[in-house]
N, C-alpha and C. Protein backbone atom coordinates (compact mmCIF):
# COMPACT_ATOMS: atom_id res chain seq x y z
N MET A 1 31.61 72.68 92.10
CA MET A 1 32.94 73.07 92.52
C MET A 1 33.01 74.60 92.56
N ASN A 2 33.71 75.13 93.53
CA ASN A 2 33.92 76.57 93.65
C ASN A 2 35.35 76.91 93.26
N CYS A 3 35.56 78.18 92.93
CA CYS A 3 36.92 78.63 92.61
C CYS A 3 37.83 78.46 93.82
N ARG A 4 39.08 78.13 93.55
CA ARG A 4 40.09 78.01 94.60
C ARG A 4 40.47 79.42 95.04
N PRO A 5 40.35 79.75 96.30
CA PRO A 5 40.73 81.09 96.76
C PRO A 5 42.19 81.40 96.41
N GLY A 6 42.41 82.59 95.89
CA GLY A 6 43.76 83.03 95.58
C GLY A 6 44.35 82.45 94.31
N CYS A 7 43.56 81.78 93.48
CA CYS A 7 44.10 81.14 92.27
C CYS A 7 44.26 82.14 91.13
N GLY A 8 43.16 82.54 90.52
CA GLY A 8 43.20 83.52 89.44
C GLY A 8 43.75 83.01 88.12
N ALA A 9 43.99 81.70 88.00
CA ALA A 9 44.58 81.15 86.77
C ALA A 9 43.75 81.48 85.53
N CYS A 10 42.43 81.42 85.65
CA CYS A 10 41.57 81.66 84.49
C CYS A 10 41.52 83.14 84.11
N CYS A 11 42.08 84.01 84.94
CA CYS A 11 42.14 85.44 84.63
C CYS A 11 43.53 85.84 84.15
N ILE A 12 44.41 84.88 84.02
CA ILE A 12 45.77 85.14 83.56
C ILE A 12 46.10 84.32 82.31
N ALA A 13 45.92 83.01 82.38
CA ALA A 13 46.38 82.12 81.31
C ALA A 13 45.70 82.33 79.96
N PRO A 14 44.37 82.37 79.87
CA PRO A 14 43.75 82.43 78.54
C PRO A 14 43.72 83.84 77.96
N SER A 15 43.66 83.88 76.63
CA SER A 15 43.40 85.16 75.97
C SER A 15 41.90 85.43 76.07
N ILE A 16 41.55 86.71 76.03
CA ILE A 16 40.14 87.11 76.05
C ILE A 16 39.99 88.14 74.94
N SER A 17 39.16 87.84 73.95
CA SER A 17 39.00 88.75 72.81
C SER A 17 37.93 89.80 73.06
N SER A 18 37.10 89.61 74.05
CA SER A 18 36.05 90.57 74.39
C SER A 18 36.63 91.74 75.18
N ALA A 19 35.97 92.88 75.06
CA ALA A 19 36.37 94.04 75.86
C ALA A 19 36.16 93.75 77.34
N ILE A 20 37.08 94.22 78.14
CA ILE A 20 37.04 94.11 79.59
C ILE A 20 37.19 95.54 80.10
N PRO A 21 36.44 95.95 81.13
CA PRO A 21 36.67 97.30 81.66
C PRO A 21 38.15 97.49 81.99
N GLY A 22 38.75 98.50 81.38
CA GLY A 22 40.18 98.75 81.57
C GLY A 22 41.06 98.07 80.53
N MET A 23 40.46 97.17 79.74
CA MET A 23 41.18 96.48 78.65
C MET A 23 40.23 96.39 77.46
N PRO A 24 40.01 97.51 76.77
CA PRO A 24 38.99 97.53 75.72
C PRO A 24 39.27 96.60 74.54
N GLN A 25 40.50 96.19 74.35
CA GLN A 25 40.84 95.26 73.27
C GLN A 25 40.91 93.82 73.76
N GLY A 26 40.49 93.56 74.99
CA GLY A 26 40.64 92.24 75.57
C GLY A 26 42.06 92.07 76.11
N LYS A 27 42.51 90.83 76.23
CA LYS A 27 43.85 90.60 76.74
C LYS A 27 44.48 89.38 76.09
N PRO A 28 45.78 89.42 75.87
CA PRO A 28 46.47 88.25 75.33
C PRO A 28 46.67 87.18 76.40
N ALA A 29 46.92 85.99 75.97
CA ALA A 29 47.21 84.88 76.89
C ALA A 29 48.44 85.23 77.73
N GLY A 30 48.38 84.87 78.99
CA GLY A 30 49.51 85.07 79.88
C GLY A 30 49.59 86.44 80.51
N VAL A 31 48.66 87.32 80.17
CA VAL A 31 48.63 88.66 80.75
C VAL A 31 47.55 88.71 81.82
N ARG A 32 47.91 89.24 82.95
CA ARG A 32 46.97 89.36 84.07
C ARG A 32 45.86 90.35 83.71
N CYS A 33 44.62 89.95 83.90
CA CYS A 33 43.49 90.84 83.67
C CYS A 33 43.55 91.99 84.68
N VAL A 34 43.26 93.21 84.21
CA VAL A 34 43.29 94.36 85.11
C VAL A 34 42.19 94.28 86.17
N GLN A 35 41.20 93.42 85.95
CA GLN A 35 40.11 93.26 86.90
C GLN A 35 40.38 92.15 87.93
N LEU A 36 41.58 91.61 87.91
CA LEU A 36 41.97 90.61 88.90
C LEU A 36 42.62 91.34 90.07
N GLY A 37 41.99 91.28 91.23
CA GLY A 37 42.47 92.01 92.40
C GLY A 37 43.72 91.40 93.01
N ASP A 38 44.23 92.09 94.00
CA ASP A 38 45.46 91.66 94.68
C ASP A 38 45.33 90.27 95.30
N ALA A 39 44.12 89.89 95.70
CA ALA A 39 43.89 88.57 96.28
C ALA A 39 43.53 87.53 95.20
N ASN A 40 43.77 87.89 93.92
CA ASN A 40 43.48 87.00 92.79
C ASN A 40 42.00 86.62 92.70
N GLN A 41 41.13 87.59 92.93
CA GLN A 41 39.71 87.39 92.75
C GLN A 41 39.17 88.47 91.82
N CYS A 42 38.23 88.11 90.96
CA CYS A 42 37.66 89.02 89.97
C CYS A 42 36.95 90.18 90.65
N LEU A 43 37.32 91.39 90.26
CA LEU A 43 36.73 92.59 90.85
C LEU A 43 35.36 92.92 90.25
N ILE A 44 35.02 92.28 89.11
CA ILE A 44 33.72 92.54 88.48
C ILE A 44 32.86 91.28 88.45
N PHE A 45 33.17 90.31 89.29
CA PHE A 45 32.40 89.07 89.36
C PHE A 45 30.93 89.40 89.64
N GLY A 46 30.03 88.83 88.84
CA GLY A 46 28.60 89.02 89.04
C GLY A 46 28.06 90.34 88.53
N ARG A 47 28.90 91.17 87.95
CA ARG A 47 28.45 92.46 87.43
C ARG A 47 28.21 92.36 85.92
N PRO A 48 27.32 93.19 85.39
CA PRO A 48 26.97 93.08 83.97
C PRO A 48 28.13 93.38 83.01
N GLU A 49 29.12 94.13 83.44
CA GLU A 49 30.25 94.45 82.56
C GLU A 49 31.27 93.32 82.44
N ARG A 50 31.09 92.28 83.23
CA ARG A 50 31.98 91.11 83.13
C ARG A 50 31.69 90.41 81.81
N PRO A 51 32.73 90.14 80.99
CA PRO A 51 32.50 89.49 79.69
C PRO A 51 31.81 88.13 79.82
N ALA A 52 30.98 87.83 78.82
CA ALA A 52 30.25 86.56 78.82
C ALA A 52 31.21 85.37 78.83
N CYS A 53 32.36 85.50 78.16
CA CYS A 53 33.31 84.38 78.14
C CYS A 53 33.83 84.09 79.54
N CYS A 54 33.94 85.11 80.37
CA CYS A 54 34.39 84.91 81.75
C CYS A 54 33.28 84.27 82.58
N SER A 55 32.07 84.78 82.41
CA SER A 55 30.94 84.23 83.16
C SER A 55 30.68 82.78 82.80
N GLY A 56 30.93 82.44 81.54
CA GLY A 56 30.69 81.08 81.08
C GLY A 56 31.74 80.07 81.51
N LEU A 57 32.90 80.55 81.90
CA LEU A 57 33.98 79.64 82.33
C LEU A 57 33.74 79.27 83.79
N GLN A 58 33.45 78.03 84.02
CA GLN A 58 33.13 77.55 85.35
C GLN A 58 34.23 76.62 85.86
N PRO A 59 34.54 76.69 87.15
CA PRO A 59 35.57 75.80 87.69
C PRO A 59 35.16 74.33 87.56
N SER A 60 36.16 73.50 87.28
CA SER A 60 35.93 72.06 87.20
C SER A 60 37.18 71.35 87.67
N VAL A 61 37.03 70.12 88.09
CA VAL A 61 38.17 69.33 88.54
C VAL A 61 39.18 69.21 87.41
N GLU A 62 38.70 68.97 86.18
CA GLU A 62 39.60 68.82 85.03
C GLU A 62 40.42 70.09 84.80
N MET A 63 39.78 71.25 84.80
CA MET A 63 40.47 72.50 84.52
C MET A 63 41.33 72.96 85.70
N CYS A 64 40.80 72.90 86.88
CA CYS A 64 41.47 73.48 88.05
C CYS A 64 42.52 72.57 88.67
N GLY A 65 42.36 71.27 88.48
CA GLY A 65 43.32 70.34 89.07
C GLY A 65 43.40 70.50 90.58
N THR A 66 44.56 70.19 91.12
CA THR A 66 44.73 70.26 92.59
C THR A 66 45.57 71.44 93.02
N SER A 67 45.97 72.28 92.04
CA SER A 67 46.78 73.44 92.40
C SER A 67 46.64 74.53 91.33
N ARG A 68 47.03 75.73 91.70
CA ARG A 68 47.02 76.85 90.76
C ARG A 68 47.95 76.55 89.58
N GLU A 69 49.09 75.94 89.85
CA GLU A 69 50.05 75.62 88.80
C GLU A 69 49.46 74.64 87.77
N LEU A 70 48.72 73.64 88.25
CA LEU A 70 48.08 72.70 87.32
C LEU A 70 46.99 73.38 86.52
N ALA A 71 46.26 74.30 87.14
CA ALA A 71 45.22 75.05 86.42
C ALA A 71 45.85 75.90 85.32
N ILE A 72 46.94 76.58 85.62
CA ILE A 72 47.62 77.39 84.60
C ILE A 72 48.12 76.50 83.47
N GLN A 73 48.69 75.35 83.79
CA GLN A 73 49.17 74.43 82.76
C GLN A 73 48.03 73.96 81.87
N TRP A 74 46.90 73.58 82.46
CA TRP A 74 45.76 73.09 81.69
C TRP A 74 45.23 74.20 80.78
N LEU A 75 45.06 75.39 81.32
CA LEU A 75 44.56 76.51 80.53
C LEU A 75 45.55 76.93 79.45
N ASP A 76 46.84 76.86 79.75
CA ASP A 76 47.88 77.17 78.78
C ASP A 76 47.82 76.16 77.62
N ASP A 77 47.68 74.89 77.95
CA ASP A 77 47.58 73.86 76.91
C ASP A 77 46.33 74.08 76.05
N LEU A 78 45.22 74.42 76.69
CA LEU A 78 43.98 74.69 75.96
C LEU A 78 44.16 75.90 75.05
N GLU A 79 44.77 76.94 75.55
CA GLU A 79 45.01 78.15 74.76
C GLU A 79 45.84 77.82 73.52
N ARG A 80 46.92 77.08 73.70
CA ARG A 80 47.78 76.75 72.56
C ARG A 80 47.07 75.84 71.56
N SER A 81 46.23 74.94 72.03
CA SER A 81 45.55 74.02 71.12
C SER A 81 44.40 74.67 70.35
N THR A 82 43.90 75.79 70.82
CA THR A 82 42.77 76.44 70.17
C THR A 82 43.13 77.77 69.52
N SER A 83 44.34 78.23 69.70
CA SER A 83 44.76 79.52 69.18
C SER A 83 45.03 79.45 67.68
N THR A 84 44.73 80.55 67.00
CA THR A 84 45.03 80.65 65.58
C THR A 84 46.37 81.35 65.35
N THR A 85 46.97 81.85 66.44
CA THR A 85 48.29 82.48 66.35
C THR A 85 49.22 81.77 67.33
N PRO A 86 50.51 81.76 67.05
CA PRO A 86 51.45 81.12 67.99
C PRO A 86 51.37 81.76 69.36
N ALA A 87 51.27 80.92 70.38
CA ALA A 87 51.18 81.41 71.76
C ALA A 87 52.47 81.07 72.50
N THR A 88 52.81 81.92 73.42
CA THR A 88 53.95 81.66 74.28
C THR A 88 53.44 80.94 75.52
N SER A 89 54.01 79.82 75.84
CA SER A 89 53.60 79.04 76.99
C SER A 89 53.99 79.74 78.29
N LEU A 90 53.11 79.70 79.25
CA LEU A 90 53.40 80.24 80.57
C LEU A 90 54.26 79.31 81.38
N THR A 91 54.33 78.05 80.95
CA THR A 91 55.04 77.05 81.76
C THR A 91 56.29 76.52 81.10
N ASP A 92 56.65 77.00 79.94
CA ASP A 92 57.88 76.53 79.27
C ASP A 92 59.09 77.28 79.79
């Protein structure tokens, strides 16, 4: 499966604890990554400075669903179920 063009859900919904160029402390859940371009595509895709957690996250039918909204919901649910701190839902 390939990423849905214009989606960007995996660059917004989850928290990222690793440093990202332009976000040295990572990013909290629900915050748009600074490396997500205007067309919702990763600006550092395939480059060595892209965090391993991003490279390891691969699109799947389960995660991506049939729409960007379903992908955000799935990732939001995953974030809340695995977080050690209270998270604010993107869909509530």
